């Protein structure tokens, strides 16, 4: 099995199941710590950026980094 970081695994899961991502965000906002919220928001931002880059790759467009 290929090793991957927890962030990578979570990003993949959020992209595969956006409903879960939204539910988790609501729960962490309600019951989580500021540190947990910061981690989750970082992971979700990565998932969003990766999705946009993937869509742009499909259309041939490029995004500045």
PDB file of N, CA and C in Angstrom:
ATOM      1  N   UNK A   1       0.837  -1.175   0.000  1.00  0.00           N
ATOM      2  CA  UNK A   1       0.000   0.000   0.000  1.00  0.00           C
ATOM      3  C   UNK A   1       0.884   1.241   0.000  1.00  0.00           C
ATOM      4  N   UNK A   2       0.512   2.195  -0.796  1.00  0.00           N
ATOM      5  CA  UNK A   2       1.275   3.434  -0.911  1.00  0.00           C
ATOM      6  C   UNK A   2       1.002   4.329   0.300  1.00  0.00           C
ATOM      7  N   UNK A   3       2.070   4.849   0.883  1.00  0.00           N
ATOM      8  CA  UNK A   3       1.922   5.786   1.995  1.00  0.00           C
ATOM      9  C   UNK A   3       1.490   7.141   1.465  1.00  0.00           C
ATOM     10  N   UNK A   4       0.609   7.801   2.221  1.00  0.00           N
ATOM     11  CA  UNK A   4       0.202   9.157   1.888  1.00  0.00           C
ATOM     12  C   UNK A   4      -0.117   9.883   3.189  1.00  0.00           C
ATOM     13  N   UNK A   5      -0.031  11.183   3.146  1.00  0.00           N
ATOM     14  CA  UNK A   5      -0.264  11.967   4.352  1.00  0.00           C
ATOM     15  C   UNK A   5      -1.755  11.987   4.701  1.00  0.00           C
ATOM     16  N   UNK A   6      -2.018  12.304   5.943  1.00  0.00           N
ATOM     17  CA  UNK A   6      -3.409  12.432   6.388  1.00  0.00           C
ATOM     18  C   UNK A   6      -4.111  13.538   5.604  1.00  0.00           C
ATOM     19  N   UNK A   7      -3.431  14.656   5.386  1.00  0.00           N
ATOM     20  CA  UNK A   7      -4.026  15.749   4.608  1.00  0.00           C
ATOM     21  C   UNK A   7      -4.416  15.280   3.210  1.00  0.00           C
ATOM     22  N   UNK A   8      -3.541  14.533   2.566  1.00  0.00           N
ATOM     23  CA  UNK A   8      -3.830  14.030   1.221  1.00  0.00           C
ATOM     24  C   UNK A   8      -5.048  13.119   1.239  1.00  0.00           C
ATOM     25  N   UNK A   9      -5.118  12.247   2.216  1.00  0.00           N
ATOM     26  CA  UNK A   9      -6.262  11.336   2.326  1.00  0.00           C
ATOM     27  C   UNK A   9      -7.556  12.108   2.552  1.00  0.00           C
ATOM     28  N   UNK A  10      -7.510  13.120   3.406  1.00  0.00           N
ATOM     29  CA  UNK A  10      -8.714  13.904   3.687  1.00  0.00           C
ATOM     30  C   UNK A  10      -9.141  14.710   2.462  1.00  0.00           C
ATOM     31  N   UNK A  11      -8.190  15.291   1.753  1.00  0.00           N
ATOM     32  CA  UNK A  11      -8.506  16.045   0.532  1.00  0.00           C
ATOM     33  C   UNK A  11      -9.213  15.138  -0.470  1.00  0.00           C
ATOM     34  N   UNK A  12      -8.702  13.939  -0.653  1.00  0.00           N
ATOM     35  CA  UNK A  12      -9.320  12.994  -1.583  1.00  0.00           C
ATOM     36  C   UNK A  12     -10.732  12.633  -1.128  1.00  0.00           C
ATOM     37  N   UNK A  13     -10.898  12.436   0.170  1.00  0.00           N
ATOM     38  CA  UNK A  13     -12.213  12.085   0.711  1.00  0.00           C
ATOM     39  C   UNK A  13     -13.203  13.240   0.538  1.00  0.00           C
ATOM     40  N   UNK A  14     -12.772  14.465   0.792  1.00  0.00           N
ATOM     41  CA  UNK A  14     -13.650  15.626   0.633  1.00  0.00           C
ATOM     42  C   UNK A  14     -14.089  15.786  -0.816  1.00  0.00           C
ATOM     43  N   UNK A  15     -13.172  15.567  -1.731  1.00  0.00           N
ATOM     44  CA  UNK A  15     -13.525  15.691  -3.151  1.00  0.00           C
ATOM     45  C   UNK A  15     -14.486  14.588  -3.577  1.00  0.00           C
ATOM     46  N   UNK A  16     -14.328  13.401  -3.013  1.00  0.00           N
ATOM     47  CA  UNK A  16     -15.191  12.278  -3.364  1.00  0.00           C
ATOM     48  C   UNK A  16     -16.571  12.388  -2.712  1.00  0.00           C
ATOM     49  N   UNK A  17     -16.646  13.063  -1.561  1.00  0.00           N
ATOM     50  CA  UNK A  17     -17.900  13.131  -0.808  1.00  0.00           C
ATOM     51  C   UNK A  17     -18.098  14.532  -0.228  1.00  0.00           C
ATOM     52  N   UNK A  18     -18.510  15.489  -1.062  1.00  0.00           N
ATOM     53  CA  UNK A  18     -18.684  16.864  -0.589  1.00  0.00           C
ATOM     54  C   UNK A  18     -19.717  16.997   0.533  1.00  0.00           C
ATOM     55  N   UNK A  19     -20.712  16.119   0.560  1.00  0.00           N
ATOM     56  CA  UNK A  19     -21.706  16.169   1.631  1.00  0.00           C
ATOM     57  C   UNK A  19     -21.049  15.899   2.976  1.00  0.00           C
ATOM     58  N   UNK A  20     -20.180  14.902   3.016  1.00  0.00           N
ATOM     59  CA  UNK A  20     -19.447  14.613   4.251  1.00  0.00           C
ATOM     60  C   UNK A  20     -18.613  15.822   4.666  1.00  0.00           C
ATOM     61  N   UNK A  21     -17.956  16.450   3.715  1.00  0.00           N
ATOM     62  CA  UNK A  21     -17.121  17.613   4.021  1.00  0.00           C
ATOM     63  C   UNK A  21     -17.959  18.725   4.651  1.00  0.00           C
ATOM     64  N   UNK A  22     -19.136  18.975   4.103  1.00  0.00           N
ATOM     65  CA  UNK A  22     -20.010  20.023   4.643  1.00  0.00           C
ATOM     66  C   UNK A  22     -20.494  19.672   6.044  1.00  0.00           C
ATOM     67  N   UNK A  23     -20.849  18.410   6.257  1.00  0.00           N
ATOM     68  CA  UNK A  23     -21.306  17.975   7.581  1.00  0.00           C
ATOM     69  C   UNK A  23     -20.181  18.065   8.607  1.00  0.00           C
ATOM     70  N   UNK A  24     -18.991  17.679   8.209  1.00  0.00           N
ATOM     71  CA  UNK A  24     -17.846  17.749   9.117  1.00  0.00           C
ATOM     72  C   UNK A  24     -17.537  19.199   9.472  1.00  0.00           C
ATOM     73  N   UNK A  25     -17.593  20.084   8.492  1.00  0.00           N
ATOM     74  CA  UNK A  25     -17.342  21.497   8.753  1.00  0.00           C
ATOM     75  C   UNK A  25     -18.351  22.047   9.761  1.00  0.00           C
ATOM     76  N   UNK A  26     -19.622  21.716   9.584  1.00  0.00           N
ATOM     77  CA  UNK A  26     -20.650  22.189  10.520  1.00  0.00           C
ATOM     78  C   UNK A  26     -20.379  21.669  11.927  1.00  0.00           C
ATOM     79  N   UNK A  27     -19.992  20.410  12.034  1.00  0.00           N
ATOM     80  CA  UNK A  27     -19.715  19.819  13.347  1.00  0.00           C
ATOM     81  C   UNK A  27     -18.499  20.458  14.010  1.00  0.00           C
ATOM     82  N   UNK A  28     -17.446  20.670  13.245  1.00  0.00           N
ATOM     83  CA  UNK A  28     -16.234  21.269  13.818  1.00  0.00           C
ATOM     84  C   UNK A  28     -16.501  22.722  14.208  1.00  0.00           C
ATOM     85  N   UNK A  29     -17.275  23.435  13.420  1.00  0.00           N
ATOM     86  CA  UNK A  29     -17.632  24.815  13.805  1.00  0.00           C
ATOM     87  C   UNK A  29     -18.413  24.834  15.114  1.00  0.00           C
ATOM     88  N   UNK A  30     -19.279  23.845  15.292  1.00  0.00           N
ATOM     89  CA  UNK A  30     -20.127  23.782  16.476  1.00  0.00           C
ATOM     90  C   UNK A  30     -19.356  23.304  17.708  1.00  0.00           C
ATOM     91  N   UNK A  31     -18.566  22.242  17.566  1.00  0.00           N
ATOM     92  CA  UNK A  31     -17.973  21.573  18.724  1.00  0.00           C
ATOM     93  C   UNK A  31     -16.450  21.519  18.735  1.00  0.00           C
ATOM     94  N   UNK A  32     -15.804  21.955  17.680  1.00  0.00           N
ATOM     95  CA  UNK A  32     -14.355  21.806  17.584  1.00  0.00           C
ATOM     96  C   UNK A  32     -13.588  22.959  18.201  1.00  0.00           C
ATOM     97  N   UNK A  33     -12.292  22.766  18.249  1.00  0.00           N
ATOM     98  CA  UNK A  33     -11.393  23.808  18.740  1.00  0.00           C
ATOM     99  C   UNK A  33     -10.965  24.690  17.567  1.00  0.00           C
ATOM    100  N   UNK A  34     -10.440  25.867  17.855  1.00  0.00           N
ATOM    101  CA  UNK A  34      -9.924  26.705  16.764  1.00  0.00           C
ATOM    102  C   UNK A  34      -8.837  25.995  15.946  1.00  0.00           C
ATOM    103  N   UNK A  35      -8.012  25.199  16.597  1.00  0.00           N
ATOM    104  CA  UNK A  35      -6.957  24.472  15.875  1.00  0.00           C
ATOM    105  C   UNK A  35      -7.557  23.441  14.926  1.00  0.00           C
ATOM    106  N   UNK A  36      -8.583  22.724  15.376  1.00  0.00           N
ATOM    107  CA  UNK A  36      -9.239  21.740  14.512  1.00  0.00           C
ATOM    108  C   UNK A  36      -9.891  22.423  13.311  1.00  0.00           C
ATOM    109  N   UNK A  37     -10.520  23.561  13.559  1.00  0.00           N
ATOM    110  CA  UNK A  37     -11.149  24.300  12.466  1.00  0.00           C
ATOM    111  C   UNK A  37     -10.104  24.781  11.460  1.00  0.00           C
ATOM    112  N   UNK A  38      -8.978  25.257  11.948  1.00  0.00           N
ATOM    113  CA  UNK A  38      -7.913  25.722  11.051  1.00  0.00           C
ATOM    114  C   UNK A  38      -7.397  24.586  10.172  1.00  0.00           C
ATOM    115  N   UNK A  39      -7.206  23.419  10.757  1.00  0.00           N
ATOM    116  CA  UNK A  39      -6.727  22.255   9.992  1.00  0.00           C
ATOM    117  C   UNK A  39      -7.746  21.871   8.927  1.00  0.00           C
ATOM    118  N   UNK A  40      -9.009  21.794   9.333  1.00  0.00           N
ATOM    119  CA  UNK A  40     -10.060  21.411   8.396  1.00  0.00           C
ATOM    120  C   UNK A  40     -10.183  22.414   7.252  1.00  0.00           C
ATOM    121  N   UNK A  41     -10.148  23.691   7.570  1.00  0.00           N
ATOM    122  CA  UNK A  41     -10.242  24.709   6.521  1.00  0.00           C
ATOM    123  C   UNK A  41      -9.058  24.636   5.560  1.00  0.00           C
ATOM    124  N   UNK A  42      -7.871  24.344   6.075  1.00  0.00           N
ATOM    125  CA  UNK A  42      -6.699  24.183   5.203  1.00  0.00           C
ATOM    126  C   UNK A  42      -6.909  23.007   4.254  1.00  0.00           C
ATOM    127  N   UNK A  43      -7.390  21.888   4.793  1.00  0.00           N
ATOM    128  CA  UNK A  43      -7.617  20.707   3.969  1.00  0.00           C
ATOM    129  C   UNK A  43      -8.694  20.967   2.918  1.00  0.00           C
ATOM    130  N   UNK A  44      -9.755  21.652   3.320  1.00  0.00           N
ATOM    131  CA  UNK A  44     -10.840  21.938   2.380  1.00  0.00           C
ATOM    132  C   UNK A  44     -10.391  22.918   1.300  1.00  0.00           C
ATOM    133  N   UNK A  45      -9.575  23.875   1.664  1.00  0.00           N
ATOM    134  CA  UNK A  45      -9.045  24.814   0.673  1.00  0.00           C
ATOM    135  C   UNK A  45      -8.181  24.078  -0.343  1.00  0.00           C
ATOM    136  N   UNK A  46      -7.373  23.153   0.125  1.00  0.00           N
ATOM    137  CA  UNK A  46      -6.543  22.352  -0.779  1.00  0.00           C
ATOM    138  C   UNK A  46      -7.418  21.541  -1.722  1.00  0.00           C
ATOM    139  N   UNK A  47      -8.477  20.951  -1.197  1.00  0.00           N
ATOM    140  CA  UNK A  47      -9.393  20.172  -2.036  1.00  0.00           C
ATOM    141  C   UNK A  47     -10.024  21.056  -3.102  1.00  0.00           C
ATOM    142  N   UNK A  48     -10.391  22.274  -2.741  1.00  0.00           N
ATOM    143  CA  UNK A  48     -11.016  23.200  -3.693  1.00  0.00           C
ATOM    144  C   UNK A  48     -10.036  23.634  -4.770  1.00  0.00           C
ATOM    145  N   UNK A  49      -8.828  23.979  -4.380  1.00  0.00           N
ATOM    146  CA  UNK A  49      -7.810  24.411  -5.342  1.00  0.00           C
ATOM    147  C   UNK A  49      -7.463  23.268  -6.282  1.00  0.00           C
ATOM    148  N   UNK A  50      -7.310  22.060  -5.737  1.00  0.00           N
ATOM    149  CA  UNK A  50      -7.009  20.901  -6.577  1.00  0.00           C
ATOM    150  C   UNK A  50      -8.132  20.646  -7.574  1.00  0.00           C
ATOM    151  N   UNK A  51      -9.376  20.824  -7.155  1.00  0.00           N
ATOM    152  CA  UNK A  51     -10.512  20.601  -8.047  1.00  0.00           C
ATOM    153  C   UNK A  51     -10.514  21.617  -9.179  1.00  0.00           C
ATOM    154  N   UNK A  52     -10.239  22.868  -8.871  1.00  0.00           N
ATOM    155  CA  UNK A  52     -10.196  23.912  -9.900  1.00  0.00           C
ATOM    156  C   UNK A  52      -9.062  23.642 -10.873  1.00  0.00           C
ATOM    157  N   UNK A  53      -7.905  23.275 -10.360  1.00  0.00           N
ATOM    158  CA  UNK A  53      -6.773  22.973 -11.251  1.00  0.00           C
ATOM    159  C   UNK A  53      -7.098  21.795 -12.149  1.00  0.00           C
ATOM    160  N   UNK A  54      -7.761  20.782 -11.608  1.00  0.00           N
ATOM    161  CA  UNK A  54      -8.135  19.617 -12.399  1.00  0.00           C
ATOM    162  C   UNK A  54      -9.117  20.004 -13.502  1.00  0.00           C
ATOM    163  N   UNK A  55     -10.106  20.827 -13.178  1.00  0.00           N
ATOM    164  CA  UNK A  55     -11.071  21.280 -14.177  1.00  0.00           C
ATOM    165  C   UNK A  55     -10.388  22.109 -15.256  1.00  0.00           C
ATOM    166  N   UNK A  56      -9.465  22.970 -14.868  1.00  0.00           N
ATOM    167  CA  UNK A  56      -8.744  23.774 -15.846  1.00  0.00           C
ATOM    168  C   UNK A  56      -7.859  22.902 -16.726  1.00  0.00           C
ATOM    169  N   UNK A  57      -7.294  21.855 -16.169  1.00  0.00           N
ATOM    170  CA  UNK A  57      -6.471  20.945 -16.966  1.00  0.00           C
ATOM    171  C   UNK A  57      -7.330  20.266 -18.029  1.00  0.00           C
ATOM    172  N   UNK A  58      -8.579  19.959 -17.672  1.00  0.00           N
ATOM    173  CA  UNK A  58      -9.485  19.331 -18.626  1.00  0.00           C
ATOM    174  C   UNK A  58      -9.830  20.261 -19.781  1.00  0.00           C
ATOM    175  N   UNK A  59      -9.827  21.576 -19.531  1.00  0.00           N
ATOM    176  CA  UNK A  59     -10.193  22.535 -20.574  1.00  0.00           C
ATOM    177  C   UNK A  59      -8.985  23.134 -21.268  1.00  0.00           C
ATOM    178  N   UNK A  60      -7.800  22.836 -20.762  1.00  0.00           N
ATOM    179  CA  UNK A  60      -6.590  23.382 -21.354  1.00  0.00           C
ATOM    180  C   UNK A  60      -6.204  24.737 -20.813  1.00  0.00           C
ATOM    181  N   UNK A  61      -6.999  25.292 -19.893  1.00  0.00           N
ATOM    182  CA  UNK A  61      -6.670  26.591 -19.294  1.00  0.00           C
ATOM    183  C   UNK A  61      -5.621  26.395 -18.214  1.00  0.00           C
ATOM    184  N   UNK A  62      -4.907  27.454 -17.924  1.00  0.00           N
ATOM    185  CA  UNK A  62      -3.926  27.397 -16.844  1.00  0.00           C
ATOM    186  C   UNK A  62      -4.231  28.483 -15.828  1.00  0.00           C
ATOM    187  N   UNK A  63      -3.887  28.201 -14.597  1.00  0.00           N
ATOM    188  CA  UNK A  63      -4.052  29.160 -13.514  1.00  0.00           C
ATOM    189  C   UNK A  63      -2.688  29.594 -13.022  1.00  0.00           C
ATOM    190  N   UNK A  64      -2.539  30.870 -12.708  1.00  0.00           N
ATOM    191  CA  UNK A  64      -1.276  31.298 -12.091  1.00  0.00           C
ATOM    192  C   UNK A  64      -1.172  30.729 -10.688  1.00  0.00           C
ATOM    193  N   UNK A  65       0.036  30.436 -10.262  1.00  0.00           N
ATOM    194  CA  UNK A  65       0.227  29.905  -8.908  1.00  0.00           C
ATOM    195  C   UNK A  65       0.388  30.976  -7.925  1.00  0.00           C
TER     196      UNK A  65
END
